[in-house]
Every structure is written in structure tokens, then in C-alpha cells.
Amino acid sequence: MRYLIVKEAPPYVAPPVEDGMEAPTPPTQAELNMLRALELSEKIWAVKNPNPPAGTVTKRYTGCIQHEDGRVALQVLGEATTITIDGEDVTIYSDAMPVHSEADTTALADTIGDAVTPDEQAAIQAKLEAAKGQSASPLQFATETPSLSLRLKTHEEMVADGWFPEVTAS
């Protein structure tokens, strides 16, 4: 498993407040970051399930973890294995998931938005469009997109960065 550190959410912009109304309590940056990560997880899941049956409980691709400094990371399930077939290296991703033929690829590409360059965003959407009715790997997208691969971390790197503080027995 790997972890994709989600780009920080934009700052909160308070809605206009009418006379006699109380201004809402603004969310913290950590809360905004978590909401952004959850939205991304939901958009990935929707590529597989754009029209979930009634009663569907799960609407997220994977879980999120939050660092004490407010950063959030998505768990990217699966591993990449490279094998040689007829003298050529072929990478197989264990997290490949079906991409529904009716998937809204624009919604996922837009959610990734400012975390990647415009060219990367267009390439992600094109790859998703091409994968409709087939399978795609979120891990492969993250490793092959330079802006995302910089934020893709192993468990060991996350431990070293303080994402999993040691728990002491009491």
C-alpha cells in the first residue's frame, strides 16, 4: 500500500451574511483538507459506480489518514509488480478497478484539478475515457503523473515523516 498526500485545500471563503444572521464558524485548514481528500475518494469511487443501487452504503474508494499538522493522505491500495514478457517489462497493478462505461471522467479530473498541471489533468481524463468499460489503476495514475508521484509515499516514508506516531503502553 502507498499513500497519496492530498494537496492542501484552498482557504475557506465565508459566505455573505445577511443582517440579523450569525456568521458560520469557519472550518479549520485541517478540516478543509480532510473534506478535499474525502471528495477525491468519492470521485474515484464514482468512476467505478456512477449509478449505485439504492441502499448502497459505501461511496468512497479508500480511507484517509490525517497528520497532526493537518495534512491528509489517501490510502492507495495495491502494489505494482513488473515482470518481463517476451523481453519487455510489463507492470501489473493489483488495484485495477473497473471503469464504468457511463463514468463522469470530467468530475474526477476536475477534482484533481489544481494538484496537477493542465496537461496532466487532460491526460488523466483521456486515460479514464479510454478505460471506460475496462479497468484502470489509481496507483498507476499516481505513479505516472509527475505532480502526483511527488506526493506518493511508501509506509516507511510516512513513518519517517511522523504520520504514525508511536503509541506507548500505559
C-alpha atoms as a PDB file:
ATOM      1  CA  MET A   1       0.000   0.000   0.000  1.00  0.00           C
ATOM      2  CA  ARG A   2       1.075   3.544  -0.685  1.00  0.00           C
ATOM      3  CA  TYR A   3      -0.252   6.903   0.423  1.00  0.00           C
ATOM      4  CA  LEU A   4      -1.020   9.941  -1.711  1.00  0.00           C
ATOM      5  CA  ILE A   5      -0.621  13.160   0.223  1.00  0.00           C
ATOM      6  CA  VAL A   6      -3.505  15.315  -0.943  1.00  0.00           C
ATOM      7  CA  LYS A   7      -2.750  18.880  -1.964  1.00  0.00           C
ATOM      8  CA  GLU A   8      -3.837  21.389   0.653  1.00  0.00           C
ATOM      9  CA  ALA A   9      -7.359  22.680   0.183  1.00  0.00           C
ATOM     10  CA  PRO A  10      -7.847  26.337  -0.751  1.00  0.00           C
ATOM     11  CA  PRO A  11      -8.572  28.684   2.156  1.00  0.00           C
ATOM     12  CA  TYR A  12     -12.138  28.956   3.407  1.00  0.00           C
ATOM     13  CA  VAL A  13     -14.212  31.795   1.965  1.00  0.00           C
ATOM     14  CA  ALA A  14     -17.074  32.763   4.217  1.00  0.00           C
ATOM     15  CA  PRO A  15     -20.477  33.170   2.570  1.00  0.00           C
ATOM     16  CA  PRO A  16     -22.107  36.590   2.734  1.00  0.00           C
ATOM     17  CA  VAL A  17     -24.058  37.107   5.932  1.00  0.00           C
ATOM     18  CA  GLU A  18     -27.379  38.908   5.841  1.00  0.00           C
ATOM     19  CA  ASP A  19     -28.488  41.329   8.553  1.00  0.00           C
ATOM     20  CA  GLY A  20     -29.522  39.547  11.711  1.00  0.00           C
ATOM     21  CA  MET A  21     -27.760  36.319  10.757  1.00  0.00           C
ATOM     22  CA  GLU A  22     -24.781  34.952  12.571  1.00  0.00           C
ATOM     23  CA  ALA A  23     -21.637  34.174  10.586  1.00  0.00           C
ATOM     24  CA  PRO A  24     -20.862  30.442  10.453  1.00  0.00           C
ATOM     25  CA  THR A  25     -17.845  29.130  12.294  1.00  0.00           C
ATOM     26  CA  PRO A  26     -15.157  28.691   9.658  1.00  0.00           C
ATOM     27  CA  PRO A  27     -13.655  25.214   9.314  1.00  0.00           C
ATOM     28  CA  THR A  28     -10.004  24.722  10.164  1.00  0.00           C
ATOM     29  CA  GLN A  29      -7.486  24.109   7.397  1.00  0.00           C
ATOM     30  CA  ALA A  30      -7.206  20.505   8.618  1.00  0.00           C
ATOM     31  CA  GLU A  31     -10.987  20.069   8.212  1.00  0.00           C
ATOM     32  CA  LEU A  32     -10.864  21.576   4.713  1.00  0.00           C
ATOM     33  CA  ASN A  33      -8.006  19.237   3.794  1.00  0.00           C
ATOM     34  CA  MET A  34      -9.989  16.215   5.008  1.00  0.00           C
ATOM     35  CA  LEU A  35     -13.076  17.305   3.055  1.00  0.00           C
ATOM     36  CA  ARG A  36     -10.922  17.619  -0.067  1.00  0.00           C
ATOM     37  CA  ALA A  37      -9.489  14.127   0.412  1.00  0.00           C
ATOM     38  CA  LEU A  38     -12.942  12.632   1.001  1.00  0.00           C
ATOM     39  CA  GLU A  39     -14.254  14.305  -2.156  1.00  0.00           C
ATOM     40  CA  LEU A  40     -11.368  12.863  -4.157  1.00  0.00           C
ATOM     41  CA  SER A  41     -12.042   9.391  -2.732  1.00  0.00           C
ATOM     42  CA  GLU A  42     -15.734   9.732  -3.665  1.00  0.00           C
ATOM     43  CA  LYS A  43     -14.924  10.807  -7.235  1.00  0.00           C
ATOM     44  CA  ILE A  44     -12.582   7.830  -7.701  1.00  0.00           C
ATOM     45  CA  TRP A  45     -15.312   5.505  -6.400  1.00  0.00           C
ATOM     46  CA  ALA A  46     -17.888   7.123  -8.727  1.00  0.00           C
ATOM     47  CA  VAL A  47     -15.764   6.203 -11.767  1.00  0.00           C
ATOM     48  CA  LYS A  48     -16.471   2.587 -10.872  1.00  0.00           C
ATOM     49  CA  ASN A  49     -20.034   3.140  -9.623  1.00  0.00           C
ATOM     50  CA  PRO A  50     -21.658   6.202 -11.266  1.00  0.00           C
ATOM     51  CA  ASN A  51     -25.200   4.955 -10.569  1.00  0.00           C
ATOM     52  CA  PRO A  52     -25.052   2.996  -7.323  1.00  0.00           C
ATOM     53  CA  PRO A  53     -28.062   0.899  -6.435  1.00  0.00           C
ATOM     54  CA  ALA A  54     -30.418   2.181  -3.763  1.00  0.00           C
ATOM     55  CA  GLY A  55     -29.195   1.351  -0.290  1.00  0.00           C
ATOM     56  CA  THR A  56     -25.516   1.471  -1.221  1.00  0.00           C
ATOM     57  CA  VAL A  57     -23.556   2.451   1.851  1.00  0.00           C
ATOM     58  CA  THR A  58     -20.009   2.755   0.515  1.00  0.00           C
ATOM     59  CA  LYS A  59     -19.315   5.789  -1.616  1.00  0.00           C
ATOM     60  CA  ARG A  60     -15.567   6.119  -1.186  1.00  0.00           C
ATOM     61  CA  TYR A  61     -12.653   4.422  -2.912  1.00  0.00           C
ATOM     62  CA  THR A  62     -10.460   4.248   0.166  1.00  0.00           C
ATOM     63  CA  GLY A  63      -9.774   5.700   3.575  1.00  0.00           C
ATOM     64  CA  CYS A  64      -7.828   8.774   4.569  1.00  0.00           C
ATOM     65  CA  ILE A  65      -5.386   9.485   7.337  1.00  0.00           C
ATOM     66  CA  GLN A  66      -4.530  12.859   8.819  1.00  0.00           C
ATOM     67  CA  HIS A  67      -1.169  14.081  10.080  1.00  0.00           C
ATOM     68  CA  GLU A  68      -1.127  16.138  13.267  1.00  0.00           C
ATOM     69  CA  ASP A  69      -0.070  19.149  11.151  1.00  0.00           C
ATOM     70  CA  GLY A  70      -3.333  18.980   9.161  1.00  0.00           C
ATOM     71  CA  ARG A  71      -2.100  17.263   6.004  1.00  0.00           C
ATOM     72  CA  VAL A  72      -4.248  14.413   4.711  1.00  0.00           C
ATOM     73  CA  ALA A  73      -3.305  11.348   2.691  1.00  0.00           C
ATOM     74  CA  LEU A  74      -5.418   8.871   0.766  1.00  0.00           C
ATOM     75  CA  GLN A  75      -4.535   5.214   1.101  1.00  0.00           C
ATOM     76  CA  VAL A  76      -3.714   3.875  -2.357  1.00  0.00           C
ATOM     77  CA  LEU A  77      -4.432   0.195  -2.217  1.00  0.00           C
ATOM     78  CA  GLY A  78      -2.412  -2.252  -4.218  1.00  0.00           C
ATOM     79  CA  GLU A  79       1.076  -2.816  -5.475  1.00  0.00           C
ATOM     80  CA  ALA A  80       2.889  -2.622  -8.786  1.00  0.00           C
ATOM     81  CA  THR A  81       4.720  -5.710 -10.000  1.00  0.00           C
ATOM     82  CA  THR A  82       6.958  -5.621 -13.048  1.00  0.00           C
ATOM     83  CA  ILE A  83       7.512  -8.821 -14.981  1.00  0.00           C
ATOM     84  CA  THR A  84       9.290  -9.489 -18.265  1.00  0.00           C
ATOM     85  CA  ILE A  85       7.240 -10.954 -21.098  1.00  0.00           C
ATOM     86  CA  ASP A  86       8.963 -11.662 -24.419  1.00  0.00           C
ATOM     87  CA  GLY A  87      11.867  -9.448 -23.395  1.00  0.00           C
ATOM     88  CA  GLU A  88       9.695  -6.449 -22.445  1.00  0.00           C
ATOM     89  CA  ASP A  89       8.953  -5.196 -18.956  1.00  0.00           C
ATOM     90  CA  VAL A  90       5.242  -5.144 -18.162  1.00  0.00           C
ATOM     91  CA  THR A  91       3.913  -3.600 -14.961  1.00  0.00           C
ATOM     92  CA  ILE A  92       0.795  -5.099 -13.434  1.00  0.00           C
ATOM     93  CA  TYR A  93      -1.190  -3.153 -10.830  1.00  0.00           C
ATOM     94  CA  SER A  94      -3.135  -5.124  -8.230  1.00  0.00           C
ATOM     95  CA  ASP A  95      -5.546  -2.256  -7.554  1.00  0.00           C
ATOM     96  CA  ALA A  96      -7.060  -2.175 -11.062  1.00  0.00           C
ATOM     97  CA  MET A  97     -10.767  -1.431 -10.826  1.00  0.00           C
ATOM     98  CA  PRO A  98     -13.462  -1.391 -13.479  1.00  0.00           C
ATOM     99  CA  VAL A  99     -14.242   1.969 -15.060  1.00  0.00           C
ATOM    100  CA  HIS A 100     -17.968   2.139 -15.731  1.00  0.00           C
ATOM    101  CA  SER A 101     -18.962   2.928 -19.313  1.00  0.00           C
ATOM    102  CA  GLU A 102     -21.092   5.832 -18.003  1.00  0.00           C
ATOM    103  CA  ALA A 103     -18.443   7.231 -15.641  1.00  0.00           C
ATOM    104  CA  ASP A 104     -18.156  11.003 -15.369  1.00  0.00           C
ATOM    105  CA  THR A 105     -14.442  11.353 -16.040  1.00  0.00           C
ATOM    106  CA  THR A 106     -14.672  15.149 -16.020  1.00  0.00           C
ATOM    107  CA  ALA A 107     -15.748  15.194 -12.359  1.00  0.00           C
ATOM    108  CA  LEU A 108     -12.678  13.242 -11.237  1.00  0.00           C
ATOM    109  CA  ALA A 109     -10.325  15.246 -13.474  1.00  0.00           C
ATOM    110  CA  ASP A 110     -11.806  18.494 -12.119  1.00  0.00           C
ATOM    111  CA  THR A 111     -11.457  17.315  -8.510  1.00  0.00           C
ATOM    112  CA  ILE A 112      -7.771  16.555  -9.093  1.00  0.00           C
ATOM    113  CA  GLY A 113      -7.607  19.990 -10.756  1.00  0.00           C
ATOM    114  CA  ASP A 114      -5.043  22.251  -9.144  1.00  0.00           C
ATOM    115  CA  ALA A 115      -2.999  19.307  -7.808  1.00  0.00           C
ATOM    116  CA  VAL A 116      -1.676  18.626 -11.326  1.00  0.00           C
ATOM    117  CA  THR A 117      -0.702  20.629 -14.395  1.00  0.00           C
ATOM    118  CA  PRO A 118      -3.350  21.285 -17.069  1.00  0.00           C
ATOM    119  CA  ASP A 119      -1.591  18.806 -19.389  1.00  0.00           C
ATOM    120  CA  GLU A 120      -1.565  16.145 -16.645  1.00  0.00           C
ATOM    121  CA  GLN A 121      -5.232  16.791 -15.912  1.00  0.00           C
ATOM    122  CA  ALA A 122      -6.103  16.359 -19.608  1.00  0.00           C
ATOM    123  CA  ALA A 123      -4.007  13.169 -19.783  1.00  0.00           C
ATOM    124  CA  ILE A 124      -5.749  11.709 -16.715  1.00  0.00           C
ATOM    125  CA  GLN A 125      -9.161  12.420 -18.196  1.00  0.00           C
ATOM    126  CA  ALA A 126      -8.138  10.953 -21.563  1.00  0.00           C
ATOM    127  CA  LYS A 127      -6.822   7.779 -19.888  1.00  0.00           C
ATOM    128  CA  LEU A 128     -10.056   7.442 -17.912  1.00  0.00           C
ATOM    129  CA  GLU A 129     -12.132   7.919 -21.059  1.00  0.00           C
ATOM    130  CA  ALA A 130     -10.071   5.250 -22.825  1.00  0.00           C
ATOM    131  CA  ALA A 131     -10.549   2.886 -19.865  1.00  0.00           C
ATOM    132  CA  LYS A 132     -14.369   3.055 -19.886  1.00  0.00           C
ATOM    133  CA  GLY A 133     -15.716  -0.475 -19.917  1.00  0.00           C
ATOM    134  CA  GLN A 134     -12.269  -1.770 -18.925  1.00  0.00           C
ATOM    135  CA  SER A 135     -10.061  -1.316 -15.870  1.00  0.00           C
ATOM    136  CA  ALA A 136      -7.805   1.409 -14.503  1.00  0.00           C
ATOM    137  CA  SER A 137      -5.417   1.594 -11.585  1.00  0.00           C
ATOM    138  CA  PRO A 138      -5.388   4.606  -9.237  1.00  0.00           C
ATOM    139  CA  LEU A 139      -1.831   3.582  -8.265  1.00  0.00           C
ATOM    140  CA  GLN A 140      -0.781   3.633 -11.912  1.00  0.00           C
ATOM    141  CA  PHE A 141      -2.321   7.090 -12.401  1.00  0.00           C
ATOM    142  CA  ALA A 142      -0.458   8.360  -9.329  1.00  0.00           C
ATOM    143  CA  THR A 143       2.902   6.869 -10.351  1.00  0.00           C
ATOM    144  CA  GLU A 144       2.665   8.008 -13.985  1.00  0.00           C
ATOM    145  CA  THR A 145       1.568  11.589 -13.229  1.00  0.00           C
ATOM    146  CA  PRO A 146       4.652  13.594 -12.182  1.00  0.00           C
ATOM    147  CA  SER A 147       2.766  16.049  -9.939  1.00  0.00           C
ATOM    148  CA  LEU A 148       1.106  13.167  -8.092  1.00  0.00           C
ATOM    149  CA  SER A 149       4.123  10.855  -7.961  1.00  0.00           C
ATOM    150  CA  LEU A 150       5.980  13.503  -5.934  1.00  0.00           C
ATOM    151  CA  ARG A 151       3.339  13.098  -3.212  1.00  0.00           C
ATOM    152  CA  LEU A 152       3.068   9.312  -3.426  1.00  0.00           C
ATOM    153  CA  LYS A 153       4.738   7.827  -0.347  1.00  0.00           C
ATOM    154  CA  THR A 154       5.537   4.395   0.990  1.00  0.00           C
ATOM    155  CA  HIS A 155       4.595   3.332   4.506  1.00  0.00           C
ATOM    156  CA  GLU A 156       8.227   3.712   5.575  1.00  0.00           C
ATOM    157  CA  GLU A 157       8.348   7.292   4.251  1.00  0.00           C
ATOM    158  CA  MET A 158       5.125   8.106   6.084  1.00  0.00           C
ATOM    159  CA  VAL A 159       6.502   6.686   9.333  1.00  0.00           C
ATOM    160  CA  ALA A 160       9.674   8.757   8.924  1.00  0.00           C
ATOM    161  CA  ASP A 161       7.544  11.869   8.358  1.00  0.00           C
ATOM    162  CA  GLY A 162       5.593  11.331  11.602  1.00  0.00           C
ATOM    163  CA  TRP A 163       2.292  10.138  10.160  1.00  0.00           C
ATOM    164  CA  PHE A 164       2.092   7.192  12.535  1.00  0.00           C
ATOM    165  CA  PRO A 165       3.173   8.347  15.988  1.00  0.00           C
ATOM    166  CA  GLU A 166       4.310   5.594  18.279  1.00  0.00           C
ATOM    167  CA  VAL A 167       1.791   4.586  20.880  1.00  0.00           C
ATOM    168  CA  THR A 168       3.254   3.835  24.265  1.00  0.00           C
ATOM    169  CA  ALA A 169       1.656   1.280  26.535  1.00  0.00           C
ATOM    170  CA  SER A 170       0.311   2.660  29.774  1.00  0.00           C
END
